[in-house]
Amino acid sequence: MAKQNFKAGQGGRFPLRPFCTAVIILGLVLIGLVFSSLARILQHGVSARDAPTSVEAWLARELRHIAVPSPDRRRANPVAFSTDAVAAGMAHWADHCAICHGNDGKGSTEMGMHMYPRAPNMTQSGTQRLSDGELFAIIKNGVRLTGMPAWGSPSGETDVQTWQLVRFIRHLPGLTPEDLNQMKRMNPASPMELEQQQKENEFLNGGDASDTVPSNPISHSDRKGKP
């Protein structure tokens, strides 16, 4: 009986020894990566200024994947594609998302470049290959231990806006200079810009010229990090 079982194992049903070897090698590699990351943390601390290690980037991607239940990944976008849907998503993006992700979705903003992990370049395959359902769930529910908050209402009243954002995210790789210029006009004003606008209005309404901000006013296009 023992001989028969041995032959059955060697007969090709399942190569147990190579499988065990592969598992051991994989385990040793993972342990090495974990210890390497811990050594880096002990050496450099937990500052957000350092670029994430490859292990941390991998863990962030896996965490994002785990954060989206399988049924949600398979959801189709109920908002049909149209120029109106993309335009609505663009307006929402410019007003709510661009401060971190940039108008062009590349994350080259003051906030996006200093997050840990960094805001991703959403024009690239790492984002574009995600399903519509995954994008929707990430926007609505956020991702723990990242800079991505949960934006959507739990009651579902903002779901249409979220699905419109998904439509716009698909449009990010094809943004034109005209699109970007339009979005700059839709970006919310900073406190400094609002203050300057108030002083200009006071001057135009008869206030003292000394109240106005002198030359070189700040505009949306000059704001650091805005594409």
C-alpha atoms as a PDB file:
ATOM      1  CA  MET A   1       0.000   0.000   0.000  1.00  0.00           C
ATOM      2  CA  ALA A   2       2.814   2.396   0.906  1.00  0.00           C
ATOM      3  CA  LYS A   3       4.551   1.546  -2.336  1.00  0.00           C
ATOM      4  CA  GLN A   4       1.389   2.196  -4.322  1.00  0.00           C
ATOM      5  CA  ASN A   5       0.863   5.589  -2.647  1.00  0.00           C
ATOM      6  CA  PHE A   6       4.457   6.495  -3.393  1.00  0.00           C
ATOM      7  CA  LYS A   7       4.051   5.568  -7.009  1.00  0.00           C
ATOM      8  CA  ALA A   8       0.816   7.499  -7.234  1.00  0.00           C
ATOM      9  CA  GLY A   9       2.611  10.536  -5.883  1.00  0.00           C
ATOM     10  CA  GLN A  10       5.456  10.112  -8.344  1.00  0.00           C
ATOM     11  CA  GLY A  11       3.167   9.197 -11.199  1.00  0.00           C
ATOM     12  CA  GLY A  12       2.446  12.841 -11.954  1.00  0.00           C
ATOM     13  CA  ARG A  13      -0.797  13.470 -10.083  1.00  0.00           C
ATOM     14  CA  PHE A  14       0.830  16.287  -8.107  1.00  0.00           C
ATOM     15  CA  PRO A  15       4.559  17.069  -7.864  1.00  0.00           C
ATOM     16  CA  LEU A  16       4.592  17.541  -4.087  1.00  0.00           C
ATOM     17  CA  ARG A  17       8.320  18.060  -3.588  1.00  0.00           C
ATOM     18  CA  PRO A  18       8.737  20.885  -6.178  1.00  0.00           C
ATOM     19  CA  PHE A  19       5.603  22.563  -4.801  1.00  0.00           C
ATOM     20  CA  CYS A  20       6.935  22.483  -1.242  1.00  0.00           C
ATOM     21  CA  THR A  21      10.283  23.814  -2.434  1.00  0.00           C
ATOM     22  CA  ALA A  22       8.578  26.693  -4.251  1.00  0.00           C
ATOM     23  CA  VAL A  23       6.507  27.535  -1.172  1.00  0.00           C
ATOM     24  CA  ILE A  24       9.607  27.550   1.033  1.00  0.00           C
ATOM     25  CA  ILE A  25      11.506  29.775  -1.407  1.00  0.00           C
ATOM     26  CA  LEU A  26       8.566  32.171  -1.662  1.00  0.00           C
ATOM     27  CA  GLY A  27       8.258  32.292   2.115  1.00  0.00           C
ATOM     28  CA  LEU A  28      11.955  33.060   2.510  1.00  0.00           C
ATOM     29  CA  VAL A  29      11.731  35.824  -0.092  1.00  0.00           C
ATOM     30  CA  LEU A  30       8.748  37.391   1.681  1.00  0.00           C
ATOM     31  CA  ILE A  31      10.476  37.174   5.040  1.00  0.00           C
ATOM     32  CA  GLY A  32      13.548  38.821   3.533  1.00  0.00           C
ATOM     33  CA  LEU A  33      11.442  41.634   2.081  1.00  0.00           C
ATOM     34  CA  VAL A  34       9.689  42.203   5.396  1.00  0.00           C
ATOM     35  CA  PHE A  35      12.966  42.358   7.326  1.00  0.00           C
ATOM     36  CA  SER A  36      14.423  44.656   4.670  1.00  0.00           C
ATOM     37  CA  SER A  37      11.471  47.021   5.068  1.00  0.00           C
ATOM     38  CA  LEU A  38      11.729  46.922   8.861  1.00  0.00           C
ATOM     39  CA  ALA A  39      15.444  47.711   8.671  1.00  0.00           C
ATOM     40  CA  ARG A  40      14.685  50.675   6.399  1.00  0.00           C
ATOM     41  CA  ILE A  41      12.056  51.949   8.836  1.00  0.00           C
ATOM     42  CA  LEU A  42      14.441  51.605  11.795  1.00  0.00           C
ATOM     43  CA  GLN A  43      17.123  53.450   9.852  1.00  0.00           C
ATOM     44  CA  HIS A  44      15.018  56.238   8.342  1.00  0.00           C
ATOM     45  CA  GLY A  45      12.010  56.371  10.673  1.00  0.00           C
ATOM     46  CA  VAL A  46       8.451  56.754   9.400  1.00  0.00           C
ATOM     47  CA  SER A  47       8.838  60.059   7.592  1.00  0.00           C
ATOM     48  CA  ALA A  48       6.506  60.554   4.659  1.00  0.00           C
ATOM     49  CA  ARG A  49       9.296  62.304   2.733  1.00  0.00           C
ATOM     50  CA  ASP A  50      10.989  59.061   1.702  1.00  0.00           C
ATOM     51  CA  ALA A  51       9.747  57.364  -1.423  1.00  0.00           C
ATOM     52  CA  PRO A  52       7.780  54.177  -0.671  1.00  0.00           C
ATOM     53  CA  THR A  53       9.747  50.964  -1.058  1.00  0.00           C
ATOM     54  CA  SER A  54       8.734  48.384  -3.641  1.00  0.00           C
ATOM     55  CA  VAL A  55       7.325  46.243  -0.839  1.00  0.00           C
ATOM     56  CA  GLU A  56       5.187  49.101   0.456  1.00  0.00           C
ATOM     57  CA  ALA A  57       3.980  49.886  -3.063  1.00  0.00           C
ATOM     58  CA  TRP A  58       3.036  46.240  -3.526  1.00  0.00           C
ATOM     59  CA  LEU A  59       1.257  46.133  -0.173  1.00  0.00           C
ATOM     60  CA  ALA A  60      -0.656  49.316  -1.054  1.00  0.00           C
ATOM     61  CA  ARG A  61      -1.843  47.782  -4.335  1.00  0.00           C
ATOM     62  CA  GLU A  62      -2.865  44.569  -2.587  1.00  0.00           C
ATOM     63  CA  LEU A  63      -4.664  46.534   0.123  1.00  0.00           C
ATOM     64  CA  ARG A  64      -6.544  48.460  -2.541  1.00  0.00           C
ATOM     65  CA  HIS A  65      -7.481  45.184  -4.220  1.00  0.00           C
ATOM     66  CA  ILE A  66      -8.645  43.614  -0.958  1.00  0.00           C
ATOM     67  CA  ALA A  67     -10.621  46.754  -0.099  1.00  0.00           C
ATOM     68  CA  VAL A  68     -12.970  46.102  -3.023  1.00  0.00           C
ATOM     69  CA  PRO A  69     -15.218  43.046  -2.582  1.00  0.00           C
ATOM     70  CA  SER A  70     -15.436  40.752  -5.587  1.00  0.00           C
ATOM     71  CA  PRO A  71     -19.110  41.576  -6.384  1.00  0.00           C
ATOM     72  CA  ASP A  72     -18.257  45.298  -6.477  1.00  0.00           C
ATOM     73  CA  ARG A  73     -15.414  44.715  -8.931  1.00  0.00           C
ATOM     74  CA  ARG A  74     -17.861  43.189 -11.383  1.00  0.00           C
ATOM     75  CA  ARG A  75     -20.315  46.088 -11.290  1.00  0.00           C
ATOM     76  CA  ALA A  76     -20.930  47.841 -14.585  1.00  0.00           C
ATOM     77  CA  ASN A  77     -21.263  51.599 -14.848  1.00  0.00           C
ATOM     78  CA  PRO A  78     -24.997  52.394 -14.931  1.00  0.00           C
ATOM     79  CA  VAL A  79     -24.283  55.892 -16.277  1.00  0.00           C
ATOM     80  CA  ALA A  80     -24.139  55.589 -20.040  1.00  0.00           C
ATOM     81  CA  PHE A  81     -21.244  57.213 -21.809  1.00  0.00           C
ATOM     82  CA  SER A  82     -22.030  60.703 -23.081  1.00  0.00           C
ATOM     83  CA  THR A  83     -20.301  64.042 -23.381  1.00  0.00           C
ATOM     84  CA  ASP A  84     -22.628  65.359 -20.659  1.00  0.00           C
ATOM     85  CA  ALA A  85     -21.607  62.578 -18.256  1.00  0.00           C
ATOM     86  CA  VAL A  86     -17.902  63.204 -18.894  1.00  0.00           C
ATOM     87  CA  ALA A  87     -18.401  66.967 -18.504  1.00  0.00           C
ATOM     88  CA  ALA A  88     -20.208  66.478 -15.194  1.00  0.00           C
ATOM     89  CA  GLY A  89     -17.407  64.219 -13.973  1.00  0.00           C
ATOM     90  CA  MET A  90     -14.833  66.774 -15.115  1.00  0.00           C
ATOM     91  CA  ALA A  91     -16.512  69.586 -13.184  1.00  0.00           C
ATOM     92  CA  HIS A  92     -16.702  67.436 -10.041  1.00  0.00           C
ATOM     93  CA  TRP A  93     -13.074  66.379 -10.444  1.00  0.00           C
ATOM     94  CA  ALA A  94     -11.838  69.971 -10.867  1.00  0.00           C
ATOM     95  CA  ASP A  95     -13.729  71.075  -7.759  1.00  0.00           C
ATOM     96  CA  HIS A  96     -13.048  68.125  -5.439  1.00  0.00           C
ATOM     97  CA  CYS A  97     -10.226  65.891  -6.691  1.00  0.00           C
ATOM     98  CA  ALA A  98      -7.694  68.090  -8.479  1.00  0.00           C
ATOM     99  CA  ILE A  99      -6.207  69.472  -5.264  1.00  0.00           C
ATOM    100  CA  CYS A 100      -4.506  66.084  -4.740  1.00  0.00           C
ATOM    101  CA  HIS A 101      -4.614  64.381  -8.135  1.00  0.00           C
ATOM    102  CA  GLY A 102      -4.151  67.442 -10.355  1.00  0.00           C
ATOM    103  CA  ASN A 103      -6.405  68.441 -13.210  1.00  0.00           C
ATOM    104  CA  ASP A 104      -4.553  65.999 -15.456  1.00  0.00           C
ATOM    105  CA  GLY A 105      -4.768  63.113 -12.960  1.00  0.00           C
ATOM    106  CA  LYS A 106      -1.005  62.681 -12.686  1.00  0.00           C
ATOM    107  CA  GLY A 107      -0.764  63.563  -8.984  1.00  0.00           C
ATOM    108  CA  SER A 108       1.838  66.300  -9.544  1.00  0.00           C
ATOM    109  CA  THR A 109       0.402  68.609  -6.895  1.00  0.00           C
ATOM    110  CA  GLU A 110       1.833  69.868  -3.634  1.00  0.00           C
ATOM    111  CA  MET A 111      -0.439  67.559  -1.664  1.00  0.00           C
ATOM    112  CA  GLY A 112      -0.277  64.577  -4.000  1.00  0.00           C
ATOM    113  CA  MET A 113       3.522  64.500  -4.138  1.00  0.00           C
ATOM    114  CA  HIS A 114       3.830  64.619  -0.333  1.00  0.00           C
ATOM    115  CA  MET A 115       1.325  61.907   0.538  1.00  0.00           C
ATOM    116  CA  TYR A 116       2.462  58.445   1.590  1.00  0.00           C
ATOM    117  CA  PRO A 117       1.946  56.573  -0.651  1.00  0.00           C
ATOM    118  CA  ARG A 118       2.079  59.240  -3.353  1.00  0.00           C
ATOM    119  CA  ALA A 119      -1.041  60.094  -5.321  1.00  0.00           C
ATOM    120  CA  PRO A 120      -0.900  57.789  -8.360  1.00  0.00           C
ATOM    121  CA  ASN A 121      -0.658  58.799 -11.988  1.00  0.00           C
ATOM    122  CA  MET A 122      -4.195  57.880 -12.933  1.00  0.00           C
ATOM    123  CA  THR A 123      -3.534  58.118 -16.657  1.00  0.00           C
ATOM    124  CA  GLN A 124      -1.356  55.010 -16.472  1.00  0.00           C
ATOM    125  CA  SER A 125      -2.326  51.345 -16.564  1.00  0.00           C
ATOM    126  CA  GLY A 126      -2.194  50.915 -12.777  1.00  0.00           C
ATOM    127  CA  THR A 127      -5.477  52.845 -12.600  1.00  0.00           C
ATOM    128  CA  GLN A 128      -6.877  52.455 -16.099  1.00  0.00           C
ATOM    129  CA  ARG A 129      -6.837  48.657 -15.959  1.00  0.00           C
ATOM    130  CA  LEU A 130      -9.083  48.666 -12.876  1.00  0.00           C
ATOM    131  CA  SER A 131     -12.698  47.842 -13.569  1.00  0.00           C
ATOM    132  CA  ASP A 132     -15.399  50.496 -13.365  1.00  0.00           C
ATOM    133  CA  GLY A 133     -16.701  48.781 -10.258  1.00  0.00           C
ATOM    134  CA  GLU A 134     -13.302  48.970  -8.577  1.00  0.00           C
ATOM    135  CA  LEU A 135     -12.948  52.675  -9.346  1.00  0.00           C
ATOM    136  CA  PHE A 136     -16.443  53.348  -8.039  1.00  0.00           C
ATOM    137  CA  ALA A 137     -15.811  51.445  -4.789  1.00  0.00           C
ATOM    138  CA  ILE A 138     -12.465  53.177  -4.204  1.00  0.00           C
ATOM    139  CA  ILE A 139     -14.015  56.628  -4.670  1.00  0.00           C
ATOM    140  CA  LYS A 140     -17.072  55.879  -2.548  1.00  0.00           C
ATOM    141  CA  ASN A 141     -15.474  53.909   0.287  1.00  0.00           C
ATOM    142  CA  GLY A 142     -11.856  55.108   0.252  1.00  0.00           C
ATOM    143  CA  VAL A 143      -8.828  52.960   1.093  1.00  0.00           C
ATOM    144  CA  ARG A 144      -7.449  52.587   4.603  1.00  0.00           C
ATOM    145  CA  LEU A 145      -3.860  53.599   5.391  1.00  0.00           C
ATOM    146  CA  THR A 146      -3.666  55.812   2.296  1.00  0.00           C
ATOM    147  CA  GLY A 147      -4.604  59.411   1.561  1.00  0.00           C
ATOM    148  CA  MET A 148      -7.815  58.306  -0.186  1.00  0.00           C
ATOM    149  CA  PRO A 149     -10.889  59.184   1.923  1.00  0.00           C
ATOM    150  CA  ALA A 150     -14.405  57.853   1.516  1.00  0.00           C
ATOM    151  CA  TRP A 151     -16.202  60.483  -0.556  1.00  0.00           C
ATOM    152  CA  GLY A 152     -19.530  58.885  -1.398  1.00  0.00           C
ATOM    153  CA  SER A 153     -22.639  58.984   0.731  1.00  0.00           C
ATOM    154  CA  PRO A 154     -23.453  55.619   2.398  1.00  0.00           C
ATOM    155  CA  SER A 155     -27.102  56.152   1.463  1.00  0.00           C
ATOM    156  CA  GLY A 156     -26.247  56.140  -2.248  1.00  0.00           C
ATOM    157  CA  GLU A 157     -27.562  59.639  -2.988  1.00  0.00           C
ATOM    158  CA  THR A 158     -24.234  60.632  -4.552  1.00  0.00           C
ATOM    159  CA  ASP A 159     -23.728  57.421  -6.544  1.00  0.00           C
ATOM    160  CA  VAL A 160     -24.573  59.043  -9.873  1.00  0.00           C
ATOM    161  CA  GLN A 161     -21.878  61.680  -9.336  1.00  0.00           C
ATOM    162  CA  THR A 162     -19.395  58.945  -8.455  1.00  0.00           C
ATOM    163  CA  TRP A 163     -20.200  56.978 -11.599  1.00  0.00           C
ATOM    164  CA  GLN A 164     -19.771  60.181 -13.618  1.00  0.00           C
ATOM    165  CA  LEU A 165     -16.336  60.543 -12.050  1.00  0.00           C
ATOM    166  CA  VAL A 166     -15.524  57.034 -13.262  1.00  0.00           C
ATOM    167  CA  ARG A 167     -16.494  58.141 -16.775  1.00  0.00           C
ATOM    168  CA  PHE A 168     -14.154  61.106 -16.480  1.00  0.00           C
ATOM    169  CA  ILE A 169     -11.282  58.988 -15.121  1.00  0.00           C
ATOM    170  CA  ARG A 170     -11.475  56.930 -18.309  1.00  0.00           C
ATOM    171  CA  HIS A 171     -11.136  60.219 -20.193  1.00  0.00           C
ATOM    172  CA  LEU A 172      -7.978  61.326 -18.319  1.00  0.00           C
ATOM    173  CA  PRO A 173      -5.415  59.882 -20.778  1.00  0.00           C
ATOM    174  CA  GLY A 174      -7.036  61.826 -23.603  1.00  0.00           C
ATOM    175  CA  LEU A 175      -7.366  65.253 -21.980  1.00  0.00           C
ATOM    176  CA  THR A 176      -6.702  68.142 -24.335  1.00  0.00           C
ATOM    177  CA  PRO A 177      -5.150  71.538 -23.542  1.00  0.00           C
ATOM    178  CA  GLU A 178      -8.644  73.007 -23.927  1.00  0.00           C
ATOM    179  CA  ASP A 179      -9.952  70.582 -21.282  1.00  0.00           C
ATOM    180  CA  LEU A 180      -7.190  71.588 -18.865  1.00  0.00           C
ATOM    181  CA  ASN A 181      -7.794  75.294 -19.397  1.00  0.00           C
ATOM    182  CA  GLN A 182     -11.481  74.792 -18.752  1.00  0.00           C
ATOM    183  CA  MET A 183     -10.734  72.891 -15.550  1.00  0.00           C
ATOM    184  CA  LYS A 184      -8.437  75.639 -14.274  1.00  0.00           C
ATOM    185  CA  ARG A 185     -11.410  77.965 -14.354  1.00  0.00           C
ATOM    186  CA  MET A 186     -13.405  75.458 -12.313  1.00  0.00           C
ATOM    187  CA  ASN A 187     -10.759  74.887  -9.618  1.00  0.00           C
ATOM    188  CA  PRO A 188     -11.780  76.368  -6.240  1.00  0.00           C
ATOM    189  CA  ALA A 189      -9.975  79.549  -5.245  1.00  0.00           C
ATOM    190  CA  SER A 190      -7.400  79.435  -2.464  1.00  0.00           C
ATOM    191  CA  PRO A 191      -7.772  81.604   0.673  1.00  0.00           C
ATOM    192  CA  MET A 192      -5.075  83.915  -0.694  1.00  0.00           C
ATOM    193  CA  GLU A 193      -6.937  84.283  -3.975  1.00  0.00           C
ATOM    194  CA  LEU A 194     -10.192  84.981  -2.165  1.00  0.00           C
ATOM    195  CA  GLU A 195      -8.494  87.618  -0.035  1.00  0.00           C
ATOM    196  CA  GLN A 196      -7.041  89.322  -3.070  1.00  0.00           C
ATOM    197  CA  GLN A 197     -10.383  89.234  -4.869  1.00  0.00           C
ATOM    198  CA  GLN A 198     -12.043  90.836  -1.842  1.00  0.00           C
ATOM    199  CA  LYS A 199      -9.460  93.616  -1.729  1.00  0.00           C
ATOM    200  CA  GLU A 200      -9.840  94.250  -5.450  1.00  0.00           C
ATOM    201  CA  ASN A 201     -13.613  94.480  -5.059  1.00  0.00           C
ATOM    202  CA  GLU A 202     -13.236  96.908  -2.152  1.00  0.00           C
ATOM    203  CA  PHE A 203     -10.917  99.076  -4.240  1.00  0.00           C
ATOM    204  CA  LEU A 204     -13.282  99.043  -7.214  1.00  0.00           C
ATOM    205  CA  ASN A 205     -16.125 100.023  -4.887  1.00  0.00           C
ATOM    206  CA  GLY A 206     -14.254 103.075  -3.612  1.00  0.00           C
ATOM    207  CA  GLY A 207     -11.839 101.631  -1.072  1.00  0.00           C
ATOM    208  CA  ASP A 208      -8.290 102.819  -0.480  1.00  0.00           C
ATOM    209  CA  ALA A 209      -5.848 101.807  -3.222  1.00  0.00           C
ATOM    210  CA  SER A 210      -3.425 100.753  -0.477  1.00  0.00           C
ATOM    211  CA  ASP A 211      -5.825  97.913   0.340  1.00  0.00           C
ATOM    212  CA  THR A 212      -5.169  96.198  -2.948  1.00  0.00           C
ATOM    213  CA  VAL A 213      -2.518  93.592  -3.330  1.00  0.00           C
ATOM    214  CA  PRO A 214       0.303  95.043  -5.435  1.00  0.00           C
ATOM    215  CA  SER A 215       1.602  93.560  -8.658  1.00  0.00           C
ATOM    216  CA  ASN A 216       1.995  89.858  -9.466  1.00  0.00           C
ATOM    217  CA  PRO A 217      -1.414  88.531  -8.368  1.00  0.00           C
ATOM    218  CA  ILE A 218      -1.832  84.804  -7.937  1.00  0.00           C
ATOM    219  CA  SER A 219      -4.010  83.034 -10.476  1.00  0.00           C
ATOM    220  CA  HIS A 220      -5.171  79.447 -10.805  1.00  0.00           C
ATOM    221  CA  SER A 221      -2.599  78.814 -13.490  1.00  0.00           C
ATOM    222  CA  ASP A 222       0.206  80.051 -11.206  1.00  0.00           C
ATOM    223  CA  ARG A 223      -0.790  77.936  -8.231  1.00  0.00           C
ATOM    224  CA  LYS A 224       1.917  75.431  -7.362  1.00  0.00           C
ATOM    225  CA  GLY A 225       1.082  71.888  -8.334  1.00  0.00           C
ATOM    226  CA  LYS A 226      -1.805  72.724 -10.609  1.00  0.00           C
ATOM    227  CA  PRO A 227      -1.249  71.353 -14.097  1.00  0.00           C
END
